Protein backbone atom coordinates (compact mmCIF):
# COMPACT_ATOMS: atom_id res chain seq x y z
CA MET A 1 16.50 17.71 -32.16
CA ILE A 2 16.19 16.99 -28.22
CA ASP A 3 13.48 19.44 -28.25
CA SER A 4 11.78 17.34 -30.65
CA LEU A 5 12.21 13.89 -29.28
CA VAL A 6 11.09 14.98 -26.15
CA ALA A 7 8.00 16.80 -27.42
CA PHE A 8 7.11 13.88 -29.02
CA VAL A 9 7.38 11.47 -25.63
CA ILE A 10 5.74 13.90 -23.39
CA GLY A 11 2.90 14.29 -26.19
CA VAL A 12 2.92 10.39 -25.91
CA ALA A 13 2.26 10.54 -22.26
CA GLY A 14 -0.71 13.06 -22.31
CA GLY A 15 1.74 16.19 -22.11
CA ASP A 16 2.59 14.88 -18.74
CA ALA A 17 6.96 14.79 -18.70
CA ALA A 18 7.00 12.97 -15.19
CA LEU A 19 4.79 10.04 -16.89
CA ALA A 20 7.11 10.23 -20.18
CA ILE A 21 9.55 9.60 -17.87
CA VAL A 22 8.23 6.56 -16.17
CA LEU A 23 6.74 5.51 -19.16
CA PHE A 24 10.66 5.33 -21.15
CA THR A 25 12.02 3.89 -17.99
CA LEU A 26 9.81 1.20 -18.46
CA ALA A 27 10.19 0.87 -21.97
CA VAL A 28 14.55 0.40 -21.84
CA ARG A 29 13.83 -2.03 -18.65
CA LEU A 30 11.41 -4.48 -21.08
CA LEU A 31 14.37 -3.99 -23.56
CA LEU A 32 17.21 -4.95 -21.21
CA LEU A 33 14.62 -7.96 -19.58
CA PRO A 34 16.62 -10.44 -21.38
CA LEU A 35 19.87 -9.21 -19.52
CA GLY A 36 18.27 -9.45 -16.12
CA VAL A 37 17.12 -13.41 -16.92
CA ARG A 38 20.80 -13.88 -17.96
CA GLN A 39 21.94 -11.96 -14.79
CA ALA A 40 19.67 -14.12 -12.76
CA ARG A 41 20.57 -17.66 -14.42
CA SER A 42 24.16 -16.71 -13.70
CA ALA A 43 23.22 -16.20 -9.79
CA ARG A 44 21.85 -19.88 -9.96
CA VAL A 45 24.99 -20.95 -11.78
CA ARG A 46 26.92 -19.12 -8.56
CA GLU A 47 24.97 -20.83 -6.42
CA ARG A 48 25.34 -24.78 -8.02
CA LEU A 49 29.50 -24.09 -7.99
CA ALA A 50 29.24 -22.96 -4.09
CA PRO A 51 30.61 -26.00 -3.13
CA LYS A 52 33.13 -26.49 -5.82
CA LEU A 53 34.37 -23.08 -4.95
CA ARG A 54 34.66 -23.65 -1.19
CA GLU A 55 36.85 -27.03 -2.17
CA LEU A 56 38.89 -24.37 -4.68
CA HIS A 57 39.37 -21.85 -1.69
CA LYS A 58 40.36 -24.61 1.02
CA ARG A 59 43.15 -25.97 -1.95
CA PHE A 60 44.76 -22.76 -2.75
CA ALA A 61 43.91 -20.26 0.29
CA ARG A 62 47.65 -19.75 0.33
CA ASN A 63 47.92 -18.85 -3.26
CA PRO A 64 45.67 -16.12 -4.55
CA ARG A 65 46.97 -16.27 -7.86
CA ARG A 66 46.42 -19.58 -8.86
CA LEU A 67 42.88 -19.22 -7.01
CA SER A 68 41.58 -16.54 -8.96
CA GLU A 69 43.05 -18.49 -12.04
CA GLU A 70 40.97 -21.72 -10.97
CA THR A 71 37.50 -19.73 -10.01
CA ALA A 72 37.70 -17.83 -13.15
CA ALA A 73 38.32 -21.52 -15.17
CA LEU A 74 35.45 -22.85 -13.64
CA TYR A 75 33.27 -19.91 -14.19
CA ALA A 76 34.01 -20.08 -17.89
CA LYS A 77 33.33 -23.80 -18.02
CA GLU A 78 29.82 -22.69 -17.01
CA GLY A 79 29.56 -19.98 -19.62
CA THR A 80 29.12 -17.23 -17.04
CA SER A 81 31.59 -14.85 -14.90
CA PRO A 82 31.50 -13.37 -11.28
CA PHE A 83 30.78 -10.09 -13.17
CA ALA A 84 27.69 -11.16 -15.19
CA GLY A 85 25.41 -9.02 -12.69
CA ILE A 86 26.53 -6.09 -13.90
CA LEU A 87 25.57 -6.01 -17.09
CA PRO A 88 22.38 -4.73 -16.87
CA GLY A 89 23.30 -1.80 -15.34
CA LEU A 90 26.35 -0.86 -17.79
CA ALA A 91 23.67 -1.60 -20.86
CA GLN A 92 21.32 1.10 -18.91
CA LEU A 93 24.28 3.97 -18.92
CA PRO A 94 23.32 4.78 -22.71
CA PHE A 95 20.07 5.52 -21.88
CA MET A 96 20.76 7.24 -18.83
CA TRP A 97 22.63 9.52 -20.88
CA LEU A 98 20.13 10.61 -22.97
CA ILE A 99 17.78 11.30 -19.78
CA TYR A 100 20.67 13.53 -18.48
CA ARG A 101 21.11 15.24 -21.92
CA VAL A 102 17.36 15.99 -22.02
CA ALA A 103 17.36 17.25 -18.27
CA THR A 104 20.18 19.36 -18.84
CA HIS A 105 18.96 20.50 -22.04
CA PRO A 106 17.96 24.41 -21.48
CA THR A 107 14.38 24.38 -22.65
CA ALA A 108 13.16 20.31 -23.13
CA LEU A 109 11.97 20.27 -19.62
CA ALA A 110 11.23 23.92 -19.24
CA GLY A 111 8.08 24.15 -17.38
CA HIS A 112 7.82 20.81 -16.61
CA ASP A 113 7.56 19.21 -12.82
CA LEU A 114 7.02 16.58 -10.62
CA LEU A 115 4.58 17.37 -8.06
CA GLY A 116 5.34 21.22 -8.48
CA ALA A 117 9.15 20.42 -8.60
CA PRO A 118 11.14 21.49 -11.55
CA LEU A 119 12.04 18.07 -13.46
CA GLY A 120 15.02 19.61 -15.10
CA GLN A 121 16.57 21.64 -12.15
CA GLN A 122 19.44 19.64 -9.54
CA VAL A 123 18.56 19.34 -5.54
CA ALA A 124 21.42 21.92 -5.13
CA GLY A 125 19.68 24.70 -7.64
CA MET A 126 16.13 23.75 -6.11
CA ILE A 127 17.33 25.07 -2.48
CA ALA A 128 19.02 27.93 -4.01
CA ASN A 129 15.58 28.87 -5.68
CA TYR A 130 12.94 27.87 -3.13
CA GLY A 131 14.89 27.41 0.06
CA LEU A 132 15.99 24.31 2.45
CA ILE A 133 12.82 24.03 3.48
CA SER A 134 9.93 24.33 0.63
CA TRP A 135 7.76 21.82 -1.29
CA PRO A 136 10.07 21.39 -4.48
CA VAL A 137 12.86 20.13 -2.20
CA SER A 138 10.97 17.89 -0.12
CA VAL A 139 9.70 16.02 -3.54
CA PHE A 140 13.26 15.76 -4.35
CA THR A 141 14.52 14.67 -1.26
CA ALA A 142 11.44 11.72 -1.23
CA VAL A 143 12.32 10.55 -4.21
CA ILE A 144 15.98 10.11 -2.93
CA VAL A 145 14.86 8.40 0.15
CA LEU A 146 12.91 5.84 -1.87
CA ILE A 147 16.20 5.02 -4.29
CA ALA A 148 18.00 4.75 -0.83
CA LEU A 149 15.72 2.19 0.49
CA VAL A 150 15.54 0.31 -2.57
CA ALA A 151 19.12 0.55 -2.77
CA TRP A 152 19.20 -0.90 0.56
CA LEU A 153 17.29 -3.48 0.03
CA SER A 154 18.88 -4.35 -3.13
CA ALA A 155 22.03 -4.77 -1.18
CA ARG A 156 20.41 -6.92 1.33
CA SER A 157 19.51 -9.19 -1.44
CA ILE A 158 22.91 -9.35 -3.29
CA ARG A 159 24.78 -9.74 -0.32
CA ALA A 160 22.56 -12.81 0.91
CA SER A 161 22.89 -14.17 -2.53
CA MET A 162 26.39 -14.05 -2.83
CA PRO A 163 28.56 -17.61 -1.36
CA GLU A 164 31.20 -17.28 0.77
CA GLU A 165 33.57 -18.56 -1.63
CA GLN A 166 33.13 -15.66 -4.08
CA PRO A 167 36.41 -13.53 -3.57
CA GLU A 168 36.12 -11.28 -0.79
CA ALA A 169 36.83 -8.08 -3.21
CA LEU A 170 33.82 -8.90 -5.10
CA ARG A 171 31.96 -9.28 -1.50
CA ARG A 172 32.35 -5.81 -0.35
CA VAL A 173 32.19 -4.00 -3.69
CA MET A 174 28.88 -6.11 -5.34
CA PRO A 175 26.74 -5.07 -2.44
CA LEU A 176 27.78 -1.58 -2.86
CA LEU A 177 26.66 -1.06 -6.44
CA PRO A 178 22.97 -0.01 -5.81
CA PHE A 179 23.94 3.00 -3.74
CA GLY A 180 25.53 4.35 -6.62
CA SER A 181 22.09 5.43 -7.79
CA VAL A 182 21.84 7.67 -4.67
CA LEU A 183 24.93 9.40 -5.07
CA ALA A 184 23.57 9.91 -8.43
CA ALA A 185 20.32 11.24 -7.77
CA ALA A 186 21.75 13.42 -5.38
CA VAL A 187 24.10 15.63 -8.40
CA LEU A 188 21.55 14.95 -11.35
CA PRO A 189 18.19 16.47 -12.25
CA LEU A 190 14.95 15.48 -10.67
CA ALA A 191 14.14 13.63 -14.44
CA ALA A 192 17.26 11.87 -14.25
CA GLY A 193 16.51 10.58 -10.10
CA LEU A 194 13.17 9.81 -11.29
CA TYR A 195 14.39 7.77 -14.18
CA LEU A 196 16.98 6.02 -11.49
CA LEU A 197 13.97 5.15 -9.03
CA ILE A 198 11.74 3.85 -11.29
CA SER A 199 14.66 1.56 -12.96
CA THR A 200 16.13 0.60 -9.40
CA ALA A 201 12.40 -0.35 -8.33
CA TRP A 202 12.21 -2.65 -11.61
CA THR A 203 15.45 -4.05 -10.62
CA ALA A 204 14.64 -5.28 -7.13
CA GLY A 205 11.19 -6.68 -8.34
CA GLU A 206 12.77 -8.45 -11.44
CA ARG A 207 15.12 -9.67 -9.29
CA ALA A 208 12.85 -11.09 -6.41
CA VAL A 209 10.34 -12.45 -9.81
CA LEU A 210 13.37 -14.44 -11.28
CA ALA A 211 14.44 -15.50 -8.20
CA SER A 212 11.44 -17.79 -7.67
CA ARG A 213 11.08 -19.22 -10.91
CA PRO A 214 12.89 -22.06 -12.86
CA LEU A 215 15.33 -20.55 -15.76
């Protein structure tokens, strides 16, 4: 079944498996665009609530439990939550699982590559097969570096958009989430890394565009 599905998608892309992954990723992100809009609206709500959150922080600074309850109630009144920003990432998990199944299938991506680097191999496998200093490893490394760059830009954007009144734990965790894609790319096959690169770049661009438009 996986072979048939992959053959169909690659056929749509003219026989180029790397292009097929890019097109698949773009289709997924278009499908999840409403969640991205919801995420942007949640960010606007957080900005609007900043003064009220600041007041709650002053009132209940010595009562963390009450502060947490009042903060949750304030977000609930606005129809959102401090964790609304992670919804697009969670929604991608099924598609990421599908890419992983395809990438690790024995024959689905056999013979397909990205600029000479096998799409079905992990970076450790490429090092074992081609050597540390080799073109396939360089291609995989470039993908990981680009993902890291996008993650760094995303982390800066997240950190800058979070009001100081956010719970400290959330302020620490949220900017770190984009770097999960770097760790994933380092252990998953190149096909999954390519998916992560396109998807994280889309996320960064989507955040920038929606932040500048009324919602």
